[in-house]
PDB file of all heavy atoms in Angstrom:
ATOM      1  N   GLY A   1       0.816  -1.202   0.000  1.00  0.00           N
ATOM      2  CA  GLY A   1       0.000   0.000   0.000  1.00  0.00           C
ATOM      3  C   GLY A   1       0.857   1.262   0.000  1.00  0.00           C
ATOM      4  O   GLY A   1       2.095   1.187  -0.123  1.00  0.00           O
ATOM      5  N   ASP A   2       0.225   2.405   0.118  1.00  0.00           N
ATOM      6  CA  ASP A   2       0.956   3.670   0.120  1.00  0.00           C
ATOM      7  C   ASP A   2       1.822   3.803   1.373  1.00  0.00           C
ATOM      8  O   ASP A   2       1.406   3.436   2.470  1.00  0.00           O
ATOM      9  CB  ASP A   2      -0.012   4.850   0.060  1.00  0.00           C
ATOM     10  CG  ASP A   2      -0.664   4.983  -1.300  1.00  0.00           C
ATOM     11  OD1 ASP A   2      -0.188   4.327  -2.247  1.00  0.00           O
ATOM     12  OD2 ASP A   2      -1.651   5.738  -1.420  1.00  0.00           O
ATOM     13  N   LYS A   3       3.020   4.334   1.174  1.00  0.00           N
ATOM     14  CA  LYS A   3       3.943   4.560   2.292  1.00  0.00           C
ATOM     15  C   LYS A   3       4.328   6.026   2.315  1.00  0.00           C
ATOM     16  O   LYS A   3       4.644   6.616   1.274  1.00  0.00           O
ATOM     17  CB  LYS A   3       5.186   3.684   2.149  1.00  0.00           C
ATOM     18  CG  LYS A   3       6.179   3.861   3.297  1.00  0.00           C
ATOM     19  CD  LYS A   3       7.386   2.950   3.127  1.00  0.00           C
ATOM     20  CE  LYS A   3       8.368   3.127   4.283  1.00  0.00           C
ATOM     21  NZ  LYS A   3       9.555   2.248   4.122  1.00  0.00           N
ATOM     22  N   LEU A   4       4.319   6.623   3.488  1.00  0.00           N
ATOM     23  CA  LEU A   4       4.659   8.035   3.642  1.00  0.00           C
ATOM     24  C   LEU A   4       6.158   8.189   3.825  1.00  0.00           C
ATOM     25  O   LEU A   4       6.760   7.559   4.700  1.00  0.00           O
ATOM     26  CB  LEU A   4       3.919   8.633   4.847  1.00  0.00           C
ATOM     27  CG  LEU A   4       4.104  10.131   5.086  1.00  0.00           C
ATOM     28  CD1 LEU A   4       3.440  10.931   3.966  1.00  0.00           C
ATOM     29  CD2 LEU A   4       3.525  10.539   6.433  1.00  0.00           C
ATOM     30  N   LEU A   5       6.762   9.024   3.002  1.00  0.00           N
ATOM     31  CA  LEU A   5       8.193   9.314   3.098  1.00  0.00           C
ATOM     32  C   LEU A   5       8.395  10.795   3.371  1.00  0.00           C
ATOM     33  O   LEU A   5       7.650  11.640   2.863  1.00  0.00           O
ATOM     34  CB  LEU A   5       8.914   8.931   1.802  1.00  0.00           C
ATOM     35  CG  LEU A   5       8.892   7.457   1.393  1.00  0.00           C
ATOM     36  CD1 LEU A   5       9.619   7.274   0.070  1.00  0.00           C
ATOM     37  CD2 LEU A   5       9.527   6.588   2.469  1.00  0.00           C
ATOM     38  N   LEU A   6       9.396  11.104   4.170  1.00  0.00           N
ATOM     39  CA  LEU A   6       9.708  12.499   4.467  1.00  0.00           C
ATOM     40  C   LEU A   6      10.611  13.071   3.386  1.00  0.00           C
ATOM     41  O   LEU A   6      11.439  12.362   2.795  1.00  0.00           O
ATOM     42  CB  LEU A   6      10.384  12.611   5.839  1.00  0.00           C
ATOM     43  CG  LEU A   6       9.530  12.170   7.029  1.00  0.00           C
ATOM     44  CD1 LEU A   6      10.333  12.254   8.318  1.00  0.00           C
ATOM     45  CD2 LEU A   6       8.268  13.013   7.148  1.00  0.00           C
ATOM     46  N   GLY A   7      10.467  14.382   3.132  1.00  0.00           N
ATOM     47  CA  GLY A   7      11.270  15.043   2.114  1.00  0.00           C
ATOM     48  C   GLY A   7      12.746  15.074   2.468  1.00  0.00           C
ATOM     49  O   GLY A   7      13.123  15.100   3.643  1.00  0.00           O
ATOM     50  N   ASP A   8      13.603  15.101   1.452  1.00  0.00           N
ATOM     51  CA  ASP A   8      15.046  15.055   1.664  1.00  0.00           C
ATOM     52  C   ASP A   8      15.548  16.262   2.458  1.00  0.00           C
ATOM     53  O   ASP A   8      16.405  16.123   3.327  1.00  0.00           O
ATOM     54  CB  ASP A   8      15.769  14.994   0.317  1.00  0.00           C
ATOM     55  CG  ASP A   8      15.603  13.638  -0.365  1.00  0.00           C
ATOM     56  OD1 ASP A   8      15.262  12.663   0.348  1.00  0.00           O
ATOM     57  OD2 ASP A   8      15.805  13.561  -1.590  1.00  0.00           O
ATOM     58  N   ARG A   9      15.038  17.454   2.156  1.00  0.00           N
ATOM     59  CA  ARG A   9      15.507  18.645   2.874  1.00  0.00           C
ATOM     60  C   ARG A   9      15.160  18.552   4.349  1.00  0.00           C
ATOM     61  O   ARG A   9      15.977  18.895   5.215  1.00  0.00           O
ATOM     62  CB  ARG A   9      14.895  19.910   2.262  1.00  0.00           C
ATOM     63  CG  ARG A   9      15.502  20.310   0.931  1.00  0.00           C
ATOM     64  CD  ARG A   9      14.909  21.616   0.448  1.00  0.00           C
ATOM     65  NE  ARG A   9      15.204  22.721   1.358  1.00  0.00           N
ATOM     66  CZ  ARG A   9      14.629  23.918   1.262  1.00  0.00           C
ATOM     67  NH1 ARG A   9      13.727  24.154   0.308  1.00  0.00           N
ATOM     68  NH2 ARG A   9      14.940  24.865   2.116  1.00  0.00           N
ATOM     69  N   LEU A  10      13.966  18.081   4.640  1.00  0.00           N
ATOM     70  CA  LEU A  10      13.547  17.922   6.032  1.00  0.00           C
ATOM     71  C   LEU A  10      14.441  16.908   6.733  1.00  0.00           C
ATOM     72  O   LEU A  10      14.928  17.159   7.855  1.00  0.00           O
ATOM     73  CB  LEU A  10      12.088  17.460   6.083  1.00  0.00           C
ATOM     74  CG  LEU A  10      11.517  17.078   7.456  1.00  0.00           C
ATOM     75  CD1 LEU A  10      11.661  18.224   8.446  1.00  0.00           C
ATOM     76  CD2 LEU A  10      10.059  16.665   7.328  1.00  0.00           C
ATOM     77  N   LEU A  11      14.689  15.787   6.089  1.00  0.00           N
ATOM     78  CA  LEU A  11      15.546  14.752   6.672  1.00  0.00           C
ATOM     79  C   LEU A  11      16.965  15.257   6.894  1.00  0.00           C
ATOM     80  O   LEU A  11      17.577  14.997   7.935  1.00  0.00           O
ATOM     81  CB  LEU A  11      15.573  13.520   5.763  1.00  0.00           C
ATOM     82  CG  LEU A  11      14.290  12.678   5.706  1.00  0.00           C
ATOM     83  CD1 LEU A  11      14.397  11.634   4.607  1.00  0.00           C
ATOM     84  CD2 LEU A  11      14.035  12.010   7.054  1.00  0.00           C
ATOM     85  N   ASN A  12      17.483  15.991   5.914  1.00  0.00           N
ATOM     86  CA  ASN A  12      18.862  16.478   6.006  1.00  0.00           C
ATOM     87  C   ASN A  12      19.033  17.495   7.127  1.00  0.00           C
ATOM     88  O   ASN A  12      20.049  17.491   7.836  1.00  0.00           O
ATOM     89  CB  ASN A  12      19.300  17.092   4.675  1.00  0.00           C
ATOM     90  CG  ASN A  12      19.495  16.049   3.594  1.00  0.00           C
ATOM     91  OD1 ASN A  12      19.736  14.878   3.891  1.00  0.00           O
ATOM     92  ND2 ASN A  12      19.373  16.449   2.341  1.00  0.00           N
ATOM     93  N   ILE A  13      18.055  18.387   7.300  1.00  0.00           N
ATOM     94  CA  ILE A  13      18.137  19.388   8.372  1.00  0.00           C
ATOM     95  C   ILE A  13      18.195  18.706   9.731  1.00  0.00           C
ATOM     96  O   ILE A  13      19.023  19.045  10.589  1.00  0.00           O
ATOM     97  CB  ILE A  13      16.938  20.360   8.310  1.00  0.00           C
ATOM     98  CG1 ILE A  13      17.067  21.282   7.096  1.00  0.00           C
ATOM     99  CG2 ILE A  13      16.857  21.197   9.595  1.00  0.00           C
ATOM    100  CD1 ILE A  13      15.855  22.162   6.860  1.00  0.00           C
ATOM    101  N   ILE A  14      17.331  17.730   9.936  1.00  0.00           N
ATOM    102  CA  ILE A  14      17.298  17.032  11.222  1.00  0.00           C
ATOM    103  C   ILE A  14      18.583  16.238  11.445  1.00  0.00           C
ATOM    104  O   ILE A  14      19.166  16.264  12.541  1.00  0.00           O
ATOM    105  CB  ILE A  14      16.060  16.118  11.293  1.00  0.00           C
ATOM    106  CG1 ILE A  14      14.795  16.993  11.368  1.00  0.00           C
ATOM    107  CG2 ILE A  14      16.132  15.182  12.499  1.00  0.00           C
ATOM    108  CD1 ILE A  14      13.504  16.221  11.313  1.00  0.00           C
ATOM    109  N   ALA A  15      19.067  15.559  10.405  1.00  0.00           N
ATOM    110  CA  ALA A  15      20.302  14.771  10.530  1.00  0.00           C
ATOM    111  C   ALA A  15      21.509  15.671  10.764  1.00  0.00           C
ATOM    112  O   ALA A  15      22.380  15.352  11.592  1.00  0.00           O
ATOM    113  CB  ALA A  15      20.502  13.930   9.282  1.00  0.00           C
ATOM    114  N   ASP A  16      21.576  16.795  10.053  1.00  0.00           N
ATOM    115  CA  ASP A  16      22.710  17.718  10.197  1.00  0.00           C
ATOM    116  C   ASP A  16      22.781  18.316  11.596  1.00  0.00           C
ATOM    117  O   ASP A  16      23.840  18.762  12.040  1.00  0.00           O
ATOM    118  CB  ASP A  16      22.629  18.840   9.157  1.00  0.00           C
ATOM    119  CG  ASP A  16      22.906  18.347   7.747  1.00  0.00           C
ATOM    120  OD1 ASP A  16      23.435  17.222   7.609  1.00  0.00           O
ATOM    121  OD2 ASP A  16      22.575  19.069   6.786  1.00  0.00           O
ATOM    122  N   ASN A  17      21.658  18.329  12.296  1.00  0.00           N
ATOM    123  CA  ASN A  17      21.624  18.866  13.655  1.00  0.00           C
ATOM    124  C   ASN A  17      21.782  17.780  14.714  1.00  0.00           C
ATOM    125  O   ASN A  17      21.592  18.031  15.909  1.00  0.00           O
ATOM    126  CB  ASN A  17      20.327  19.641  13.883  1.00  0.00           C
ATOM    127  CG  ASN A  17      20.360  21.025  13.262  1.00  0.00           C
ATOM    128  OD1 ASN A  17      20.881  21.968  13.843  1.00  0.00           O
ATOM    129  ND2 ASN A  17      19.825  21.146  12.051  1.00  0.00           N
ATOM    130  N   GLY A  18      22.151  16.591  14.273  1.00  0.00           N
ATOM    131  CA  GLY A  18      22.506  15.528  15.212  1.00  0.00           C
ATOM    132  C   GLY A  18      21.354  14.737  15.784  1.00  0.00           C
ATOM    133  O   GLY A  18      21.508  14.089  16.823  1.00  0.00           O
ATOM    134  N   PHE A  19      20.192  14.752  15.110  1.00  0.00           N
ATOM    135  CA  PHE A  19      19.043  14.010  15.618  1.00  0.00           C
ATOM    136  C   PHE A  19      18.575  12.981  14.598  1.00  0.00           C
ATOM    137  O   PHE A  19      18.846  13.089  13.402  1.00  0.00           O
ATOM    138  CB  PHE A  19      17.893  14.968  15.951  1.00  0.00           C
ATOM    139  CG  PHE A  19      18.188  15.886  17.102  1.00  0.00           C
ATOM    140  CD1 PHE A  19      18.526  17.217  16.872  1.00  0.00           C
ATOM    141  CD2 PHE A  19      18.148  15.434  18.408  1.00  0.00           C
ATOM    142  CE1 PHE A  19      18.808  18.077  17.923  1.00  0.00           C
ATOM    143  CE2 PHE A  19      18.431  16.286  19.471  1.00  0.00           C
ATOM    144  CZ  PHE A  19      18.761  17.602  19.232  1.00  0.00           C
ATOM    145  N   ASN A  20      17.840  11.988  15.073  1.00  0.00           N
ATOM    146  CA  ASN A  20      17.245  10.966  14.227  1.00  0.00           C
ATOM    147  C   ASN A  20      15.737  10.970  14.417  1.00  0.00           C
ATOM    148  O   ASN A  20      15.230  11.343  15.477  1.00  0.00           O
ATOM    149  CB  ASN A  20      17.798   9.578  14.578  1.00  0.00           C
ATOM    150  CG  ASN A  20      19.281   9.464  14.299  1.00  0.00           C
ATOM    151  OD1 ASN A  20      19.738   9.754  13.189  1.00  0.00           O
ATOM    152  ND2 ASN A  20      20.044   9.062  15.296  1.00  0.00           N
ATOM    153  N   ILE A  21      15.022  10.528  13.401  1.00  0.00           N
ATOM    154  CA  ILE A  21      13.563  10.483  13.457  1.00  0.00           C
ATOM    155  C   ILE A  21      13.094   9.098  13.862  1.00  0.00           C
ATOM    156  O   ILE A  21      13.620   8.081  13.398  1.00  0.00           O
ATOM    157  CB  ILE A  21      12.964  10.872  12.087  1.00  0.00           C
ATOM    158  CG1 ILE A  21      13.272  12.341  11.783  1.00  0.00           C
ATOM    159  CG2 ILE A  21      11.454  10.636  12.056  1.00  0.00           C
ATOM    160  CD1 ILE A  21      12.903  12.764  10.391  1.00  0.00           C
ATOM    161  N   ASN A  22      12.121   9.058  14.744  1.00  0.00           N
ATOM    162  CA  ASN A  22      11.472   7.799  15.109  1.00  0.00           C
ATOM    163  C   ASN A  22      10.450   7.482  14.019  1.00  0.00           C
ATOM    164  O   ASN A  22       9.357   8.037  13.986  1.00  0.00           O
ATOM    165  CB  ASN A  22      10.791   7.942  16.471  1.00  0.00           C
ATOM    166  CG  ASN A  22      10.195   6.628  16.959  1.00  0.00           C
ATOM    167  OD1 ASN A  22      10.004   5.691  16.189  1.00  0.00           O
ATOM    168  ND2 ASN A  22       9.888   6.556  18.242  1.00  0.00           N
ATOM    169  N   GLU A  23      10.810   6.597  13.121  1.00  0.00           N
ATOM    170  CA  GLU A  23       9.983   6.328  11.947  1.00  0.00           C
ATOM    171  C   GLU A  23       8.617   5.755  12.310  1.00  0.00           C
ATOM    172  O   GLU A  23       7.657   5.876  11.542  1.00  0.00           O
ATOM    173  CB  GLU A  23      10.717   5.375  11.004  1.00  0.00           C
ATOM    174  CG  GLU A  23      11.994   5.970  10.421  1.00  0.00           C
ATOM    175  CD  GLU A  23      12.673   5.035   9.443  1.00  0.00           C
ATOM    176  OE1 GLU A  23      12.143   3.923   9.226  1.00  0.00           O
ATOM    177  OE2 GLU A  23      13.722   5.420   8.893  1.00  0.00           O
ATOM    178  N   LYS A  24       8.510   5.143  13.477  1.00  0.00           N
ATOM    179  CA  LYS A  24       7.234   4.556  13.885  1.00  0.00           C
ATOM    180  C   LYS A  24       6.197   5.620  14.236  1.00  0.00           C
ATOM    181  O   LYS A  24       5.003   5.318  14.302  1.00  0.00           O
ATOM    182  CB  LYS A  24       7.441   3.636  15.091  1.00  0.00           C
ATOM    183  CG  LYS A  24       8.295   2.417  14.801  1.00  0.00           C
ATOM    184  CD  LYS A  24       8.451   1.553  16.046  1.00  0.00           C
ATOM    185  CE  LYS A  24       9.302   0.322  15.767  1.00  0.00           C
ATOM    186  NZ  LYS A  24       9.469  -0.515  16.988  1.00  0.00           N
ATOM    187  N   LYS A  25       6.652   6.845  14.469  1.00  0.00           N
ATOM    188  CA  LYS A  25       5.730   7.890  14.904  1.00  0.00           C
ATOM    189  C   LYS A  25       5.502   8.972  13.851  1.00  0.00           C
ATOM    190  O   LYS A  25       4.999  10.047  14.161  1.00  0.00           O
ATOM    191  CB  LYS A  25       6.243   8.534  16.198  1.00  0.00           C
ATOM    192  CG  LYS A  25       6.217   7.584  17.396  1.00  0.00           C
ATOM    193  CD  LYS A  25       6.523   8.322  18.683  1.00  0.00           C
ATOM    194  CE  LYS A  25       6.407   7.400  19.889  1.00  0.00           C
ATOM    195  NZ  LYS A  25       6.666   8.107  21.160  1.00  0.00           N
ATOM    196  N   VAL A  26       5.860   8.687  12.608  1.00  0.00           N
ATOM    197  CA  VAL A  26       5.595   9.634  11.529  1.00  0.00           C
ATOM    198  C   VAL A  26       4.175   9.392  11.014  1.00  0.00           C
ATOM    199  O   VAL A  26       3.820   8.278  10.642  1.00  0.00           O
ATOM    200  CB  VAL A  26       6.604   9.458  10.373  1.00  0.00           C
ATOM    201  CG1 VAL A  26       6.252  10.386   9.217  1.00  0.00           C
ATOM    202  CG2 VAL A  26       8.024   9.743  10.858  1.00  0.00           C
ATOM    203  N   ARG A  27       3.355  10.440  11.000  1.00  0.00           N
ATOM    204  CA  ARG A  27       1.997  10.274  10.493  1.00  0.00           C
ATOM    205  C   ARG A  27       1.485  11.593   9.906  1.00  0.00           C
ATOM    206  O   ARG A  27       1.770  12.671  10.418  1.00  0.00           O
ATOM    207  CB  ARG A  27       1.055   9.782  11.592  1.00  0.00           C
ATOM    208  CG  ARG A  27       0.850  10.727  12.749  1.00  0.00           C
ATOM    209  CD  ARG A  27       0.097  10.049  13.884  1.00  0.00           C
ATOM    210  NE  ARG A  27      -0.296  10.969  14.942  1.00  0.00           N
ATOM    211  CZ  ARG A  27       0.494  11.381  15.913  1.00  0.00           C
ATOM    212  NH1 ARG A  27       1.749  10.955  15.961  1.00  0.00           N
ATOM    213  NH2 ARG A  27       0.051  12.200  16.841  1.00  0.00           N
ATOM    214  N   LEU A  28       0.746  11.454   8.816  1.00  0.00           N
ATOM    215  CA  LEU A  28       0.120  12.605   8.159  1.00  0.00           C
ATOM    216  C   LEU A  28      -1.385  12.496   8.377  1.00  0.00           C
ATOM    217  O   LEU A  28      -2.022  11.535   7.959  1.00  0.00           O
ATOM    218  CB  LEU A  28       0.438  12.615   6.659  1.00  0.00           C
ATOM    219  CG  LEU A  28      -0.136  13.797   5.867  1.00  0.00           C
ATOM    220  CD1 LEU A  28       0.435  15.116   6.374  1.00  0.00           C
ATOM    221  CD2 LEU A  28       0.151  13.632   4.376  1.00  0.00           C
ATOM    222  N   GLN A  29      -1.938  13.481   9.065  1.00  0.00           N
ATOM    223  CA  GLN A  29      -3.358  13.471   9.404  1.00  0.00           C
ATOM    224  C   GLN A  29      -4.120  14.429   8.484  1.00  0.00           C
ATOM    225  O   GLN A  29      -3.703  15.573   8.297  1.00  0.00           O
ATOM    226  CB  GLN A  29      -3.551  13.888  10.866  1.00  0.00           C
ATOM    227  CG  GLN A  29      -2.748  13.016  11.837  1.00  0.00           C
ATOM    228  CD  GLN A  29      -2.745  13.573  13.244  1.00  0.00           C
ATOM    229  OE1 GLN A  29      -3.517  13.156  14.086  1.00  0.00           O
ATOM    230  NE2 GLN A  29      -1.861  14.541  13.492  1.00  0.00           N
ATOM    231  N   VAL A  30      -5.226  13.945   7.954  1.00  0.00           N
ATOM    232  CA  VAL A  30      -5.991  14.704   6.970  1.00  0.00           C
ATOM    233  C   VAL A  30      -7.312  15.163   7.574  1.00  0.00           C
ATOM    234  O   VAL A  30      -7.929  14.448   8.373  1.00  0.00           O
ATOM    235  CB  VAL A  30      -6.270  13.843   5.718  1.00  0.00           C
ATOM    236  CG1 VAL A  30      -6.989  14.662   4.651  1.00  0.00           C
ATOM    237  CG2 VAL A  30      -4.958  13.283   5.167  1.00  0.00           C
ATOM    238  N   ARG A  31      -7.741  16.363   7.193  1.00  0.00           N
ATOM    239  CA  ARG A  31      -9.015  16.893   7.681  1.00  0.00           C
ATOM    240  C   ARG A  31     -10.147  15.916   7.346  1.00  0.00           C
ATOM    241  O   ARG A  31     -10.177  15.318   6.270  1.00  0.00           O
ATOM    242  CB  ARG A  31      -9.299  18.246   7.035  1.00  0.00           C
ATOM    243  CG  ARG A  31     -10.623  18.871   7.495  1.00  0.00           C
ATOM    244  CD  ARG A  31     -10.920  20.130   6.709  1.00  0.00           C
ATOM    245  NE  ARG A  31      -9.978  21.188   7.022  1.00  0.00           N
ATOM    246  CZ  ARG A  31      -9.860  22.320   6.326  1.00  0.00           C
ATOM    247  NH1 ARG A  31     -10.602  22.487   5.246  1.00  0.00           N
ATOM    248  NH2 ARG A  31      -8.988  23.250   6.680  1.00  0.00           N
ATOM    249  N   GLY A  32     -11.039  15.746   8.286  1.00  0.00           N
ATOM    250  CA  GLY A  32     -12.119  14.777   8.111  1.00  0.00           C
ATOM    251  C   GLY A  32     -11.886  13.555   8.959  1.00  0.00           C
ATOM    252  O   GLY A  32     -12.819  12.852   9.348  1.00  0.00           O
ATOM    253  N   ASN A  33     -10.607  13.301   9.252  1.00  0.00           N
ATOM    254  CA  ASN A  33     -10.230  12.245  10.187  1.00  0.00           C
ATOM    255  C   ASN A  33      -9.757  12.893  11.484  1.00  0.00           C
ATOM    256  O   ASN A  33      -9.607  14.108  11.572  1.00  0.00           O
ATOM    257  CB  ASN A  33      -9.127  11.357   9.597  1.00  0.00           C
ATOM    258  CG  ASN A  33      -9.580  10.651   8.341  1.00  0.00           C
ATOM    259  OD1 ASN A  33     -10.719  10.181   8.263  1.00  0.00           O
ATOM    260  ND2 ASN A  33      -8.701  10.578   7.354  1.00  0.00           N
ATOM    261  N   HIS A  34      -9.495  12.063  12.479  1.00  0.00           N
ATOM    262  CA  HIS A  34      -9.023  12.593  13.762  1.00  0.00           C
ATOM    263  C   HIS A  34      -7.633  13.209  13.594  1.00  0.00           C
ATOM    264  O   HIS A  34      -6.717  12.583  13.058  1.00  0.00           O
ATOM    265  CB  HIS A  34      -8.964  11.466  14.793  1.00  0.00           C
ATOM    266  CG  HIS A  34      -8.406  11.898  16.119  1.00  0.00           C
ATOM    267  ND1 HIS A  34      -9.139  12.651  17.027  1.00  0.00           N
ATOM    268  CD2 HIS A  34      -7.180  11.715  16.681  1.00  0.00           C
ATOM    269  CE1 HIS A  34      -8.389  12.885  18.091  1.00  0.00           C
ATOM    270  NE2 HIS A  34      -7.198  12.337  17.902  1.00  0.00           N
ATOM    271  N   GLN A  35      -7.473  14.454  14.020  1.00  0.00           N
ATOM    272  CA  GLN A  35      -6.182  15.129  13.988  1.00  0.00           C
ATOM    273  C   GLN A  35      -5.746  15.436  15.414  1.00  0.00           C
ATOM    274  O   GLN A  35      -6.539  15.912  16.226  1.00  0.00           O
ATOM    275  CB  GLN A  35      -6.257  16.428  13.181  1.00  0.00           C
ATOM    276  CG  GLN A  35      -6.507  16.200  11.697  1.00  0.00           C
ATOM    277  CD  GLN A  35      -6.596  17.502  10.918  1.00  0.00           C
ATOM    278  OE1 GLN A  35      -7.083  18.512  11.419  1.00  0.00           O
ATOM    279  NE2 GLN A  35      -6.137  17.488   9.682  1.00  0.00           N
ATOM    280  N   GLU A  36      -4.468  15.184  15.681  1.00  0.00           N
ATOM    281  CA  GLU A  36      -3.971  15.323  17.048  1.00  0.00           C
ATOM    282  C   GLU A  36      -2.572  15.925  17.043  1.00  0.00           C
ATOM    283  O   GLU A  36      -1.735  15.578  16.211  1.00  0.00           O
ATOM    284  CB  GLU A  36      -3.955  13.944  17.709  1.00  0.00           C
ATOM    285  CG  GLU A  36      -3.572  13.947  19.171  1.00  0.00           C
ATOM    286  CD  GLU A  36      -3.653  12.544  19.770  1.00  0.00           C
ATOM    287  OE1 GLU A  36      -4.715  11.892  19.615  1.00  0.00           O
ATOM    288  OE2 GLU A  36      -2.662  12.094  20.364  1.00  0.00           O
ATOM    289  N   VAL A  37      -2.326  16.842  17.981  1.00  0.00           N
ATOM    290  CA  VAL A  37      -1.005  17.460  18.158  1.00  0.00           C
ATOM    291  C   VAL A  37      -0.693  17.481  19.646  1.00  0.00           C
ATOM    292  O   VAL A  37      -1.497  17.972  20.445  1.00  0.00           O
ATOM    293  CB  VAL A  37      -0.978  18.898  17.583  1.00  0.00           C
ATOM    294  CG1 VAL A  37       0.376  19.555  17.868  1.00  0.00           C
ATOM    295  CG2 VAL A  37      -1.265  18.887  16.085  1.00  0.00           C
ATOM    296  N   THR A  38       0.452  16.959  20.015  1.00  0.00           N
ATOM    297  CA  THR A  38       0.890  16.852  21.415  1.00  0.00           C
ATOM    298  C   THR A  38      -0.239  16.390  22.341  1.00  0.00           C
ATOM    299  O   THR A  38      -0.486  16.965  23.399  1.00  0.00           O
ATOM    300  CB  THR A  38       1.495  18.181  21.941  1.00  0.00           C
ATOM    301  OG1 THR A  38       0.668  19.289  21.560  1.00  0.00           O
ATOM    302  CG2 THR A  38       2.879  18.380  21.409  1.00  0.00           C
ATOM    303  N   GLY A  39      -0.938  15.354  21.900  1.00  0.00           N
ATOM    304  CA  GLY A  39      -1.952  14.731  22.739  1.00  0.00           C
ATOM    305  C   GLY A  39      -3.305  15.412  22.755  1.00  0.00           C
ATOM    306  O   GLY A  39      -4.233  14.923  23.406  1.00  0.00           O
ATOM    307  N   LEU A  40      -3.453  16.535  22.041  1.00  0.00           N
ATOM    308  CA  LEU A  40      -4.718  17.260  22.008  1.00  0.00           C
ATOM    309  C   LEU A  40      -5.353  17.147  20.621  1.00  0.00           C
ATOM    310  O   LEU A  40      -4.650  17.169  19.606  1.00  0.00           O
ATOM    311  CB  LEU A  40      -4.510  18.737  22.350  1.00  0.00           C
ATOM    312  CG  LEU A  40      -3.937  19.041  23.731  1.00  0.00           C
ATOM    313  CD1 LEU A  40      -3.759  20.544  23.900  1.00  0.00           C
ATOM    314  CD2 LEU A  40      -4.827  18.486  24.839  1.00  0.00           C
ATOM    315  N   THR A  41      -6.669  17.047  20.601  1.00  0.00           N
ATOM    316  CA  THR A  41      -7.397  17.019  19.345  1.00  0.00           C
ATOM    317  C   THR A  41      -7.399  18.419  18.729  1.00  0.00           C
ATOM    318  O   THR A  41      -7.636  19.409  19.423  1.00  0.00           O
ATOM    319  CB  THR A  41      -8.848  16.563  19.573  1.00  0.00           C
ATOM    320  OG1 THR A  41      -8.821  15.248  20.143  1.00  0.00           O
ATOM    321  CG2 THR A  41      -9.626  16.520  18.267  1.00  0.00           C
ATOM    322  N   THR A  42      -7.134  18.512  17.410  1.00  0.00           N
ATOM    323  CA  THR A  42      -6.999  19.832  16.776  1.00  0.00           C
ATOM    324  C   THR A  42      -7.870  20.004  15.539  1.00  0.00           C
ATOM    325  O   THR A  42      -7.632  20.909  14.737  1.00  0.00           O
ATOM    326  CB  THR A  42      -5.529  20.092  16.379  1.00  0.00           C
ATOM    327  OG1 THR A  42      -5.089  19.043  15.497  1.00  0.00           O
ATOM    328  CG2 THR A  42      -4.636  20.156  17.592  1.00  0.00           C
ATOM    329  N   ASN A  43      -8.872  19.154  15.332  1.00  0.00           N
ATOM    330  CA  ASN A  43      -9.705  19.275  14.132  1.00  0.00           C
ATOM    331  C   ASN A  43     -10.323  20.660  14.002  1.00  0.00           C
ATOM    332  O   ASN A  43     -10.365  21.233  12.915  1.00  0.00           O
ATOM    333  CB  ASN A  43     -10.805  18.213  14.154  1.00  0.00           C
ATOM    334  CG  ASN A  43     -10.246  16.813  13.980  1.00  0.00           C
ATOM    335  OD1 ASN A  43      -9.617  16.286  14.889  1.00  0.00           O
ATOM    336  ND2 ASN A  43     -10.454  16.228  12.814  1.00  0.00           N
ATOM    337  N   GLU A  44     -10.831  21.217  15.114  1.00  0.00           N
ATOM    338  CA  GLU A  44     -11.418  22.557  15.087  1.00  0.00           C
ATOM    339  C   GLU A  44     -10.688  23.505  16.037  1.00  0.00           C
ATOM    340  O   GLU A  44     -10.405  24.649  15.696  1.00  0.00           O
ATOM    341  CB  GLU A  44     -12.899  22.489  15.478  1.00  0.00           C
ATOM    342  CG  GLU A  44     -13.748  21.684  14.496  1.00  0.00           C
ATOM    343  CD  GLU A  44     -15.199  21.636  14.909  1.00  0.00           C
ATOM    344  OE1 GLU A  44     -15.590  22.412  15.815  1.00  0.00           O
ATOM    345  OE2 GLU A  44     -15.953  20.841  14.336  1.00  0.00           O
ATOM    346  N   PHE A  45     -10.401  23.021  17.231  1.00  0.00           N
ATOM    347  CA  PHE A  45      -9.684  23.805  18.238  1.00  0.00           C
ATOM    348  C   PHE A  45      -9.043  22.816  19.205  1.00  0.00           C
ATOM    349  O   PHE A  45      -9.441  21.643  19.267  1.00  0.00           O
ATOM    350  CB  PHE A  45     -10.651  24.745  18.991  1.00  0.00           C
ATOM    351  CG  PHE A  45     -11.897  24.058  19.481  1.00  0.00           C
ATOM    352  CD1 PHE A  45     -11.889  23.345  20.675  1.00  0.00           C
ATOM    353  CD2 PHE A  45     -13.064  24.105  18.749  1.00  0.00           C
ATOM    354  CE1 PHE A  45     -13.024  22.700  21.125  1.00  0.00           C
ATOM    355  CE2 PHE A  45     -14.212  23.458  19.196  1.00  0.00           C
ATOM    356  CZ  PHE A  45     -14.185  22.753  20.384  1.00  0.00           C
ATOM    357  N   PRO A  46      -8.024  23.234  19.960  1.00  0.00           N
ATOM    358  CA  PRO A  46      -7.377  22.302  20.902  1.00  0.00           C
ATOM    359  C   PRO A  46      -8.377  21.754  21.908  1.00  0.00           C
ATOM    360  O   PRO A  46      -9.135  22.521  22.522  1.00  0.00           O
ATOM    361  CB  PRO A  46      -6.313  23.169  21.584  1.00  0.00           C
ATOM    362  CG  PRO A  46      -6.034  24.254  20.607  1.00  0.00           C
ATOM    363  CD  PRO A  46      -7.350  24.537  19.943  1.00  0.00           C
TER     364      PRO A  46
END
């Protein structure tokens, strides 16, 4: 099925600053489905 990949510039910036991405926690949330940021629902307001 479809797999989400991060852009090269985004990956390079994070790597150049000495950090790695936890690939298990990468997710793209689309309006109409549940959207969440730092544990809070954000579809309309926190």
